[in-house]
Amino acid sequence: MKNHRLPLFRFSFASPRGARPIDEQSLDMLLPLVRPSSGQSAPGKITYRVYLQGIQACILGHWDQFVQAVSEQAAGPVNSINLIEVVAEKHGSDYHPARIRVSANGITLCFVANVAVTERGKKRLAKDYHWLKSLRQQFRNHFVPRTYFLTRQEVLDADGQETDLVMFLAEWLEGYHEFHLSRNVERDTLETVVWDMDEGHRFLPETRSQEIYRQSAFILTYYYDVQTFREVFPWHHASGDFVVHLGRDALNVKLITVRQYEPRTVFHEDTPENIMTALTIFLANLTVRMRLDRIDGTGVVAWVGDHCVEATIQGFLDAMEEKVIQGHCSPSVVGELTRALKAMSVAEWAELFRFVVDSYDESAPDVPVITENLADHVFRVYSMIHSGYEQP
């Protein structure tokens, strides 16, 4: 569909009080290459003016695809687009997402423009786009956002040198927010806090926090390929890879980035023994990674409480059952896995977890925290496996 009457573009900053206009002076500021909340200073060479105008140029350069995306979200043909507001949301070392608010047919629709300005970010963004699109095509259930198009825009940096922005347009998950461990000063405890920019940050009771981790484990297990051993990895709660929508009675978790989808455990054949070994390693790693975060997303590495273990194992088992229902896994695999896990001794679990931890970069800041808590974690997992569910 072609729309010859181009809309008005407006540029804004996101703030706790809603989007606010960007003045001329702010447009000449440089994009930071880290989150401002990290306390670090790393300005890049791209100004907000170049960044925002680059997004505008990408949209106009793919106008028919953009209108089609708007029509899909509007669930019908779009007669006219009156206003496109580009809202600079936040910044990281790799991505600079902007919310795209589109006024069309009397309604407002939202998208996200994920933009990369560094060479590392550009490579990761292109892979992310590929795997997000691929997972939506391969699987019946959708836990990742819909993507529309990937493009590149030539620009001039602050030194007048030629460079480019790489961007993809995707679905904006309205009402979804990051969550992290944070210290509740009233109770002096570490609890899960949801960064709700609309209604304010809020701590969750343990039961709701459990459900977040259960759904996160479900998603990662659902996307795990039993035959090829491919999995979504790396991922980290501190990076905000998962987001949550809080309803009155229920919550819903989504995965918003897929950096890689490859096997971590490499076998040349998908024999029953190899399938079982890979699944066991995947589960062990899942229980460890699910417990890692950073305080308020950017602080010191923190270890999620014991309630996370039960949630993770339950999410794993629920997803394995769903994989059987959808034909992605044989029922015999789940039955054999359950028997194998129950047959493992504490010593065998300890050996398995040592293998998992040894696969990590020993210089990673997560490792000392894992090592400090590993013995107790092994016992928690062993106890949960033996008492938490019935063998089919």
Foldseek 3Di string as FASTA:
>chain_A
DDDPDDAAEFEFEQDLVGTDGDDPVQQQDFDFLAWVVLVDGRGDFAGNVQVVVQVVCVCVVPVVLNQVVVQVVVVHHWPDWHYWYWYFYTHHNQWGKTWIWICTPNDIFIKIKTKGFDPVNQVQVVLFLVVQCVVVVPDPDHQEWAWGDKDKGWDATNVRDIDIMIITITHDPPQWFAKFWAQDVVVRDTFIWTCGSHPHIDTDPPVQVLQQLLQVLLVQLLLQQLFQQWTQDDDASLVRQKIKHDDPVHMDIGGYTRRGTHHPDDDPGSDLVVSLVSVVLVLLLSLLRSQWAAHVSNHAIGGHDLSSLLSNVNSNLVNVVVCCVVVSDPPVSSLVNLVVLLPDDLVNLLVSNVVNLVVDDPPDSVNVVCVVCVSVSSVSNNVCSNPVDDRD
